[in-house]
Amino acid sequence: MKKAKFIAIEGMDGSGKSTIISMLKNELITKKIIDNFVFTREPGSAFSKEAEKIRKLILDNENSFSSMVDALLFATSRRLNLEKGIWPALEQNKHVITDRYTTSSYVYQGVLGDAGLNNVETINKIATSNTEPDLILFFDLEPAISVERITKMREGMDRLETSDIDYYVSLRKAYKQVIQKNPKKYRIVDANCSIIELFEKVIKILKEEEVL
């Protein structure tokens, strides 16, 4: 039996991560292989009520935390998700697909924030016991399209969202900076297309990686 893989999906806001994951779940249900997979997302965890409480704390518009506090909260939530969901699933030889993982912390708190990339990397090495995904998909999207999609999709934005195009220009640069540190871990997927085309690209990659 082939070893199960741990896959993280990262991307620009509005790039279609959540939609693609929902479509992927439906595809797996149709093929009757959904039991071979576990899905999760960050911050929070379907496997930990404590992680979900941290999620609410992080996203609450009434809260205002420093980048370092955010980094520590995300790392704590991530550890709970690993202990309660990801590690047990991998031990059962189930593929794990997560909507965001450590890359997001490196980008948002380490590069865009003032916590420092090296500090955030150290925090997460400890919090995750050096658990790295086998593959990270990055959905790349032009900043202008990010703003357009976010504005259409969101009635209200959480604490971590904005409609400022300059922010998304910086966000994209930050992702590229993090990816360049370990390019072999990443597959950059052009998300400047329809959701159907993006889904086909993801399915192709997962087949190449022998996940499907």
Protein backbone atom coordinates (compact mmCIF):
# COMPACT_ATOMS: atom_id res chain seq x y z
CA MET A 1 0.00 0.00 0.00
CA LYS A 2 1.30 3.45 -0.94
CA LYS A 3 2.00 5.89 1.85
CA ALA A 4 -0.66 8.56 2.34
CA LYS A 5 0.29 12.14 1.54
CA PHE A 6 -0.15 15.41 3.40
CA ILE A 7 -1.12 18.22 1.01
CA ALA A 8 -1.61 21.90 1.81
CA ILE A 9 -3.49 24.31 -0.42
CA GLU A 10 -2.40 27.93 -0.18
CA GLY A 11 -3.27 30.93 -2.28
CA MET A 12 -4.26 34.51 -2.74
CA ASP A 13 -7.57 35.58 -1.22
CA GLY A 14 -10.32 34.90 -3.74
CA SER A 15 -8.22 32.33 -5.60
CA GLY A 16 -10.81 29.58 -5.10
CA LYS A 17 -9.24 27.41 -2.41
CA SER A 18 -12.45 26.69 -0.50
CA THR A 19 -14.48 26.14 -3.67
CA ILE A 20 -11.92 23.74 -5.12
CA ILE A 21 -11.78 21.77 -1.87
CA SER A 22 -15.59 21.50 -1.86
CA MET A 23 -15.55 20.29 -5.48
CA LEU A 24 -12.81 17.81 -4.65
CA LYS A 25 -14.86 16.37 -1.79
CA ASN A 26 -17.82 15.89 -4.13
CA GLU A 27 -15.55 14.19 -6.68
CA LEU A 28 -14.24 11.78 -4.04
CA ILE A 29 -17.77 11.01 -2.84
CA THR A 30 -18.83 10.27 -6.43
CA LYS A 31 -15.85 7.94 -6.85
CA LYS A 32 -16.58 6.38 -3.45
CA ILE A 33 -13.06 7.01 -2.15
CA ILE A 34 -13.84 9.83 0.29
CA ASP A 35 -13.02 7.51 3.21
CA ASN A 36 -9.38 7.54 2.09
CA PHE A 37 -9.15 11.28 2.72
CA VAL A 38 -9.33 13.73 5.61
CA PHE A 39 -9.95 17.43 5.01
CA THR A 40 -9.19 20.27 7.38
CA ARG A 41 -8.65 24.02 7.35
CA GLU A 42 -6.88 26.73 9.29
CA PRO A 43 -7.16 28.39 11.65
CA GLY A 44 -9.22 25.95 13.69
CA SER A 45 -9.99 22.27 13.34
CA ALA A 46 -13.03 20.05 12.92
CA PHE A 47 -11.23 17.74 15.34
CA SER A 48 -10.64 20.21 18.17
CA LYS A 49 -13.14 22.53 19.85
CA GLU A 50 -10.21 24.34 21.44
CA ALA A 51 -8.74 25.09 18.00
CA GLU A 52 -12.13 26.41 16.88
CA LYS A 53 -12.20 28.77 19.86
CA ILE A 54 -8.79 30.06 18.81
CA ARG A 55 -10.15 30.54 15.27
CA LYS A 56 -12.95 32.77 16.56
CA LEU A 57 -10.45 34.74 18.62
CA ILE A 58 -8.17 35.29 15.61
CA LEU A 59 -10.91 36.33 13.17
CA ASP A 60 -12.98 38.51 15.53
CA ASN A 61 -13.04 42.08 14.18
CA GLU A 62 -13.15 43.43 17.73
CA ASN A 63 -9.72 41.99 18.51
CA SER A 64 -6.39 43.57 17.65
CA PHE A 65 -3.25 41.48 18.12
CA SER A 66 0.39 42.01 17.27
CA SER A 67 1.87 39.82 14.54
CA MET A 68 3.73 37.82 17.19
CA VAL A 69 0.53 37.08 19.13
CA ASP A 70 -1.16 36.07 15.87
CA ALA A 71 1.77 33.78 15.04
CA LEU A 72 1.53 32.09 18.44
CA LEU A 73 -2.25 31.70 18.20
CA PHE A 74 -2.02 30.17 14.73
CA ALA A 75 0.76 27.84 15.87
CA THR A 76 -1.29 26.72 18.89
CA SER A 77 -4.33 26.04 16.71
CA ARG A 78 -2.09 24.20 14.23
CA ARG A 79 -0.65 21.96 16.94
CA LEU A 80 -4.13 21.03 18.15
CA ASN A 81 -5.16 20.23 14.58
CA LEU A 82 -2.10 18.02 14.15
CA GLU A 83 -2.64 16.13 17.41
CA LYS A 84 -6.38 15.63 16.98
CA GLY A 85 -6.75 15.31 13.22
CA ILE A 86 -3.75 15.28 10.90
CA TRP A 87 -1.38 12.90 12.67
CA PRO A 88 -4.08 10.29 13.45
CA ALA A 89 -5.26 10.40 9.82
CA LEU A 90 -1.76 9.92 8.43
CA GLU A 91 -1.19 7.05 10.86
CA GLN A 92 -4.33 5.44 9.40
CA ASN A 93 -2.77 5.96 5.94
CA LYS A 94 -5.38 8.52 4.89
CA HIS A 95 -4.46 11.41 2.63
CA VAL A 96 -4.79 14.77 4.39
CA ILE A 97 -5.70 17.94 2.51
CA THR A 98 -5.61 21.20 4.45
CA ASP A 99 -6.86 24.63 3.47
CA ARG A 100 -3.77 26.62 4.58
CA TYR A 101 -0.86 25.54 6.78
CA THR A 102 2.50 26.98 7.86
CA THR A 103 3.08 28.91 4.62
CA SER A 104 0.26 31.26 5.61
CA SER A 105 1.94 32.02 8.92
CA TYR A 106 5.27 32.64 7.21
CA VAL A 107 3.59 35.05 4.79
CA TYR A 108 1.12 36.91 7.01
CA GLN A 109 3.01 37.16 10.29
CA GLY A 110 6.59 36.59 9.13
CA VAL A 111 6.83 38.72 5.98
CA LEU A 112 3.84 41.07 5.96
CA GLY A 113 3.77 41.33 9.75
CA ASP A 114 6.62 42.33 12.02
CA ALA A 115 7.09 39.02 13.85
CA GLY A 116 10.03 38.17 11.59
CA LEU A 117 10.15 35.25 9.17
CA ASN A 118 12.90 33.42 11.05
CA ASN A 119 10.99 33.75 14.32
CA VAL A 120 7.76 32.44 12.79
CA GLU A 121 9.61 29.54 11.18
CA THR A 122 11.15 28.62 14.55
CA ILE A 123 7.78 28.81 16.32
CA ASN A 124 6.22 26.50 13.75
CA LYS A 125 9.07 24.00 13.71
CA ILE A 126 8.44 23.55 17.43
CA ALA A 127 4.63 23.63 17.19
CA THR A 128 4.47 21.12 14.34
CA SER A 129 7.37 18.91 15.43
CA ASN A 130 8.77 19.63 11.95
CA THR A 131 5.71 18.16 10.22
CA GLU A 132 5.84 19.45 6.65
CA PRO A 133 3.39 18.75 3.81
CA ASP A 134 4.55 16.41 1.06
CA LEU A 135 3.21 18.96 -1.42
CA ILE A 136 1.96 22.54 -1.26
CA LEU A 137 -0.27 23.91 -4.01
CA PHE A 138 -0.18 27.69 -4.35
CA PHE A 139 -3.10 29.23 -6.24
CA ASP A 140 -1.56 32.30 -7.87
CA LEU A 141 -3.88 35.18 -8.72
CA GLU A 142 -3.41 38.70 -10.03
CA PRO A 143 -3.98 41.23 -7.19
CA ALA A 144 -6.67 43.11 -9.15
CA ILE A 145 -8.64 39.89 -9.59
CA SER A 146 -8.24 39.13 -5.88
CA VAL A 147 -9.86 42.45 -5.01
CA GLU A 148 -12.63 41.96 -7.57
CA ARG A 149 -13.51 38.47 -6.32
CA ILE A 150 -13.24 39.35 -2.62
CA THR A 151 -15.53 42.36 -3.09
CA LYS A 152 -18.14 40.23 -4.87
CA MET A 153 -17.99 37.28 -2.49
CA ARG A 154 -17.80 38.91 0.93
CA GLU A 155 -20.64 40.85 2.52
CA GLY A 156 -18.49 41.47 5.57
CA MET A 157 -14.76 40.98 5.99
CA ASP A 158 -13.02 39.45 8.96
CA ARG A 159 -10.03 40.97 10.75
CA LEU A 160 -7.53 39.50 8.27
CA GLU A 161 -9.25 40.67 5.07
CA THR A 162 -9.15 43.92 3.09
CA SER A 163 -10.09 45.29 -0.34
CA ASP A 164 -6.89 47.36 -0.72
CA ILE A 165 -5.14 46.35 -3.95
CA ASP A 166 -1.74 47.48 -2.65
CA TYR A 167 -2.12 44.94 0.14
CA TYR A 168 -2.65 42.13 -2.36
CA VAL A 169 0.36 43.23 -4.39
CA SER A 170 2.42 42.93 -1.20
CA LEU A 171 0.74 39.63 -0.33
CA ARG A 172 1.65 38.10 -3.67
CA LYS A 173 5.27 39.24 -3.30
CA ALA A 174 5.37 37.77 0.20
CA TYR A 175 4.15 34.39 -1.07
CA LYS A 176 6.76 34.41 -3.82
CA GLN A 177 9.46 35.24 -1.24
CA VAL A 178 8.46 32.29 0.96
CA ILE A 179 8.11 29.90 -1.98
CA GLN A 180 11.60 30.78 -3.23
CA LYS A 181 13.08 29.49 0.04
CA ASN A 182 11.89 25.95 -0.73
CA PRO A 183 10.61 25.84 -4.33
CA LYS A 184 10.63 22.05 -4.66
CA LYS A 185 7.83 21.81 -2.07
CA TYR A 186 5.46 23.95 -4.11
CA ARG A 187 3.41 23.65 -7.26
CA ILE A 188 2.33 27.09 -8.45
CA VAL A 189 -1.12 26.86 -10.04
CA ASP A 190 -2.40 29.72 -12.21
CA ALA A 191 -5.79 30.63 -10.74
CA ASN A 192 -6.51 33.42 -13.26
CA CYS A 193 -9.09 31.19 -14.91
CA SER A 194 -12.55 29.73 -14.40
CA ILE A 195 -13.15 27.53 -11.37
CA ILE A 196 -13.72 24.53 -13.68
CA GLU A 197 -10.34 25.05 -15.35
CA LEU A 198 -8.67 25.43 -11.95
CA PHE A 199 -10.31 22.23 -10.73
CA GLU A 200 -9.03 20.34 -13.78
CA LYS A 201 -5.50 21.59 -13.05
CA VAL A 202 -5.72 20.41 -9.44
CA ILE A 203 -7.06 16.98 -10.43
CA LYS A 204 -4.19 16.61 -12.92
CA ILE A 205 -1.61 17.41 -10.22
CA LEU A 206 -3.18 15.03 -7.69
CA LYS A 207 -3.09 12.25 -10.28
CA GLU A 208 0.56 13.01 -11.03
CA GLU A 209 1.28 12.80 -7.29
CA GLU A 210 -0.61 9.46 -7.15
CA VAL A 211 -3.11 10.81 -4.66
CA LEU A 212 -6.00 10.04 -7.04
